[in-house]
C-alpha cells in the first residue's frame, strides 16, 4: 500500500531539496522523501523510549585544548563509566581535535550525557550516531 500526502515547504528549502536529490541521483521526489523519512525515524526513534538500550558513538570537535576543557571532559566521562565503552582521540590539525566516544546503555542516560557534553564551552559539532538497538 502507498500513502500519498502533500507537504508545504518554503521555496528555498524545496529548491535545495530538489537540487540535492537530483545531484544524488534520485529518480523521483518520492524516493528522496521516503529516504529522508526513514533517516528521520532511525535518528529519532531512540528518543521515544528512554529505557531502550542503544549502542552508538558520540563525536565532537574542539579547538580549545585548555586544561579546563580537558578536565571537564575527563570528569564527565568518569560520571558515565557505566555506558562509555571506549573513546578515541585524534589530532585533525595542530589546533583542532576530534574525539569519538563509543556508548552502550539506556537511551535516556545517553541523551543526558549528550546534553551535558553540548553544554561544555569549547566543544563543536557534537553529534550522536545510534548504530544499534539492543534488548
C-alpha atoms as a PDB file:
ATOM      1  CA  UNK A   1       0.000   0.000   0.000  1.00  0.00           C
ATOM      2  CA  UNK A   2       1.178   3.520  -0.749  1.00  0.00           C
ATOM      3  CA  UNK A   3       0.061   6.651   1.074  1.00  0.00           C
ATOM      4  CA  UNK A   4       0.054   9.982  -0.741  1.00  0.00           C
ATOM      5  CA  UNK A   5       0.180  13.269   1.110  1.00  0.00           C
ATOM      6  CA  UNK A   6       1.073  16.877   0.433  1.00  0.00           C
ATOM      7  CA  UNK A   7       3.863  18.790   2.091  1.00  0.00           C
ATOM      8  CA  UNK A   8       4.240  22.564   2.150  1.00  0.00           C
ATOM      9  CA  UNK A   9       7.839  23.801   2.178  1.00  0.00           C
ATOM     10  CA  UNK A  10       9.383  27.248   1.978  1.00  0.00           C
ATOM     11  CA  UNK A  11      10.634  27.959  -1.562  1.00  0.00           C
ATOM     12  CA  UNK A  12      14.333  27.899  -0.599  1.00  0.00           C
ATOM     13  CA  UNK A  13      14.048  24.547   1.169  1.00  0.00           C
ATOM     14  CA  UNK A  14      12.085  22.992  -1.687  1.00  0.00           C
ATOM     15  CA  UNK A  15      14.630  24.228  -4.253  1.00  0.00           C
ATOM     16  CA  UNK A  16      17.572  22.946  -2.208  1.00  0.00           C
ATOM     17  CA  UNK A  17      15.826  19.588  -1.737  1.00  0.00           C
ATOM     18  CA  UNK A  18      15.165  19.256  -5.471  1.00  0.00           C
ATOM     19  CA  UNK A  19      18.727  20.216  -6.387  1.00  0.00           C
ATOM     20  CA  UNK A  20      20.292  17.893  -3.819  1.00  0.00           C
ATOM     21  CA  UNK A  21      18.095  14.897  -4.631  1.00  0.00           C
ATOM     22  CA  UNK A  22      18.812  15.307  -8.375  1.00  0.00           C
ATOM     23  CA  UNK A  23      22.577  15.565  -7.742  1.00  0.00           C
ATOM     24  CA  UNK A  24      22.411  12.396  -5.618  1.00  0.00           C
ATOM     25  CA  UNK A  25      20.692  10.581  -8.470  1.00  0.00           C
ATOM     26  CA  UNK A  26      17.195  10.074  -7.075  1.00  0.00           C
ATOM     27  CA  UNK A  27      14.820   9.242  -9.919  1.00  0.00           C
ATOM     28  CA  UNK A  28      11.850  10.830  -8.188  1.00  0.00           C
ATOM     29  CA  UNK A  29      10.985  13.174  -5.372  1.00  0.00           C
ATOM     30  CA  UNK A  30       9.055  10.333  -3.682  1.00  0.00           C
ATOM     31  CA  UNK A  31      12.163   8.156  -3.344  1.00  0.00           C
ATOM     32  CA  UNK A  32      14.146  11.023  -1.846  1.00  0.00           C
ATOM     33  CA  UNK A  33      11.359  11.915   0.586  1.00  0.00           C
ATOM     34  CA  UNK A  34      10.968   8.247   1.592  1.00  0.00           C
ATOM     35  CA  UNK A  35      14.668   8.051   2.378  1.00  0.00           C
ATOM     36  CA  UNK A  36      14.522  11.315   4.330  1.00  0.00           C
ATOM     37  CA  UNK A  37      11.621   9.962   6.399  1.00  0.00           C
ATOM     38  CA  UNK A  38      13.456   6.662   7.073  1.00  0.00           C
ATOM     39  CA  UNK A  39      16.509   8.648   8.180  1.00  0.00           C
ATOM     40  CA  UNK A  40      14.354  10.853  10.435  1.00  0.00           C
ATOM     41  CA  UNK A  41      12.793   7.789  12.088  1.00  0.00           C
ATOM     42  CA  UNK A  42      16.113   5.989  12.632  1.00  0.00           C
ATOM     43  CA  UNK A  43      17.744   9.142  14.008  1.00  0.00           C
ATOM     44  CA  UNK A  44      14.936   9.864  16.476  1.00  0.00           C
ATOM     45  CA  UNK A  45      13.199   6.594  17.415  1.00  0.00           C
ATOM     46  CA  UNK A  46      15.514   6.024  20.390  1.00  0.00           C
ATOM     47  CA  UNK A  47      14.307   9.292  21.995  1.00  0.00           C
ATOM     48  CA  UNK A  48      10.801   7.876  22.433  1.00  0.00           C
ATOM     49  CA  UNK A  49      11.895   5.085  24.777  1.00  0.00           C
ATOM     50  CA  UNK A  50      14.418   6.331  27.376  1.00  0.00           C
ATOM     51  CA  UNK A  51      14.808   2.818  28.801  1.00  0.00           C
ATOM     52  CA  UNK A  52      15.707   1.198  25.492  1.00  0.00           C
ATOM     53  CA  UNK A  53      19.316   0.022  25.292  1.00  0.00           C
ATOM     54  CA  UNK A  54      21.193   1.555  22.388  1.00  0.00           C
ATOM     55  CA  UNK A  55      24.734   1.457  21.087  1.00  0.00           C
ATOM     56  CA  UNK A  56      26.461   4.116  19.070  1.00  0.00           C
ATOM     57  CA  UNK A  57      29.020   6.844  19.127  1.00  0.00           C
ATOM     58  CA  UNK A  58      29.215  10.475  20.027  1.00  0.00           C
ATOM     59  CA  UNK A  59      31.659  12.560  18.033  1.00  0.00           C
ATOM     60  CA  UNK A  60      32.743  16.119  18.625  1.00  0.00           C
ATOM     61  CA  UNK A  61      35.472  18.518  17.617  1.00  0.00           C
ATOM     62  CA  UNK A  62      37.160  21.275  19.537  1.00  0.00           C
ATOM     63  CA  UNK A  63      39.966  23.777  19.242  1.00  0.00           C
ATOM     64  CA  UNK A  64      40.168  24.800  22.892  1.00  0.00           C
ATOM     65  CA  UNK A  65      42.811  22.429  24.226  1.00  0.00           C
ATOM     66  CA  UNK A  66      42.851  24.125  27.615  1.00  0.00           C
ATOM     67  CA  UNK A  67      43.399  22.252  30.846  1.00  0.00           C
ATOM     68  CA  UNK A  68      39.902  23.383  31.894  1.00  0.00           C
ATOM     69  CA  UNK A  69      38.178  21.639  28.970  1.00  0.00           C
ATOM     70  CA  UNK A  70      40.303  18.505  29.279  1.00  0.00           C
ATOM     71  CA  UNK A  71      39.434  18.251  32.985  1.00  0.00           C
ATOM     72  CA  UNK A  72      35.727  18.813  32.299  1.00  0.00           C
ATOM     73  CA  UNK A  73      35.751  16.071  29.648  1.00  0.00           C
ATOM     74  CA  UNK A  74      37.631  13.659  31.911  1.00  0.00           C
ATOM     75  CA  UNK A  75      35.365  14.367  34.880  1.00  0.00           C
ATOM     76  CA  UNK A  76      32.205  13.985  32.811  1.00  0.00           C
ATOM     77  CA  UNK A  77      33.488  10.737  31.309  1.00  0.00           C
ATOM     78  CA  UNK A  78      34.039   9.310  34.790  1.00  0.00           C
ATOM     79  CA  UNK A  79      30.426  10.081  35.696  1.00  0.00           C
ATOM     80  CA  UNK A  80      29.246   7.938  32.778  1.00  0.00           C
ATOM     81  CA  UNK A  81      31.624   4.974  33.032  1.00  0.00           C
ATOM     82  CA  UNK A  82      28.636   2.623  33.134  1.00  0.00           C
ATOM     83  CA  UNK A  83      27.851   3.382  29.487  1.00  0.00           C
ATOM     84  CA  UNK A  84      31.105   4.587  27.924  1.00  0.00           C
ATOM     85  CA  UNK A  85      32.713   1.620  26.200  1.00  0.00           C
ATOM     86  CA  UNK A  86      35.713   3.365  24.686  1.00  0.00           C
ATOM     87  CA  UNK A  87      36.931   6.690  23.394  1.00  0.00           C
ATOM     88  CA  UNK A  88      39.282   7.702  20.628  1.00  0.00           C
ATOM     89  CA  UNK A  89      41.123  10.993  20.170  1.00  0.00           C
ATOM     90  CA  UNK A  90      42.822  12.244  17.020  1.00  0.00           C
ATOM     91  CA  UNK A  91      44.504  15.481  16.042  1.00  0.00           C
ATOM     92  CA  UNK A  92      42.945  16.894  12.872  1.00  0.00           C
ATOM     93  CA  UNK A  93      45.336  19.822  12.727  1.00  0.00           C
ATOM     94  CA  UNK A  94      47.788  21.460  15.100  1.00  0.00           C
ATOM     95  CA  UNK A  95      44.877  23.305  16.743  1.00  0.00           C
ATOM     96  CA  UNK A  96      41.837  21.079  16.170  1.00  0.00           C
ATOM     97  CA  UNK A  97      40.932  17.714  17.716  1.00  0.00           C
ATOM     98  CA  UNK A  98      38.254  15.109  17.075  1.00  0.00           C
ATOM     99  CA  UNK A  99      37.035  12.712  19.740  1.00  0.00           C
ATOM    100  CA  UNK A 100      34.670   9.809  19.451  1.00  0.00           C
ATOM    101  CA  UNK A 101      33.094   8.217  22.491  1.00  0.00           C
ATOM    102  CA  UNK A 102      31.510   4.804  21.997  1.00  0.00           C
ATOM    103  CA  UNK A 103      28.447   4.315  24.187  1.00  0.00           C
ATOM    104  CA  UNK A 104      26.105   1.464  25.122  1.00  0.00           C
ATOM    105  CA  UNK A 105      23.275   1.974  27.568  1.00  0.00           C
ATOM    106  CA  UNK A 106      19.791   3.291  28.235  1.00  0.00           C
ATOM    107  CA  UNK A 107      18.754   5.888  25.671  1.00  0.00           C
ATOM    108  CA  UNK A 108      17.784   8.352  28.392  1.00  0.00           C
ATOM    109  CA  UNK A 109      21.203   8.116  30.016  1.00  0.00           C
ATOM    110  CA  UNK A 110      22.953   8.520  26.653  1.00  0.00           C
ATOM    111  CA  UNK A 111      20.816  11.579  25.924  1.00  0.00           C
ATOM    112  CA  UNK A 112      21.697  13.007  29.351  1.00  0.00           C
ATOM    113  CA  UNK A 113      25.421  12.575  28.636  1.00  0.00           C
ATOM    114  CA  UNK A 114      24.963  14.100  25.177  1.00  0.00           C
ATOM    115  CA  UNK A 115      23.201  17.115  26.656  1.00  0.00           C
ATOM    116  CA  UNK A 116      25.952  17.633  29.216  1.00  0.00           C
ATOM    117  CA  UNK A 117      28.598  17.440  26.500  1.00  0.00           C
ATOM    118  CA  UNK A 118      26.736  20.034  24.453  1.00  0.00           C
ATOM    119  CA  UNK A 119      26.744  22.379  27.444  1.00  0.00           C
ATOM    120  CA  UNK A 120      30.555  22.398  27.659  1.00  0.00           C
ATOM    121  CA  UNK A 121      32.071  25.604  26.366  1.00  0.00           C
ATOM    122  CA  UNK A 122      34.577  24.870  23.608  1.00  0.00           C
ATOM    123  CA  UNK A 123      33.068  21.744  22.047  1.00  0.00           C
ATOM    124  CA  UNK A 124      31.847  21.993  18.458  1.00  0.00           C
ATOM    125  CA  UNK A 125      29.739  19.749  16.247  1.00  0.00           C
ATOM    126  CA  UNK A 126      28.584  17.355  18.985  1.00  0.00           C
ATOM    127  CA  UNK A 127      26.773  14.523  17.187  1.00  0.00           C
ATOM    128  CA  UNK A 128      25.281  11.191  18.273  1.00  0.00           C
ATOM    129  CA  UNK A 129      25.022   8.330  15.786  1.00  0.00           C
ATOM    130  CA  UNK A 130      22.866   5.470  17.042  1.00  0.00           C
ATOM    131  CA  UNK A 131      24.092   2.285  15.393  1.00  0.00           C
ATOM    132  CA  UNK A 132      22.079  -0.432  17.119  1.00  0.00           C
ATOM    133  CA  UNK A 133      19.036  -1.034  19.269  1.00  0.00           C
ATOM    134  CA  UNK A 134      19.693  -3.770  21.807  1.00  0.00           C
ATOM    135  CA  UNK A 135      17.379  -5.852  24.000  1.00  0.00           C
END
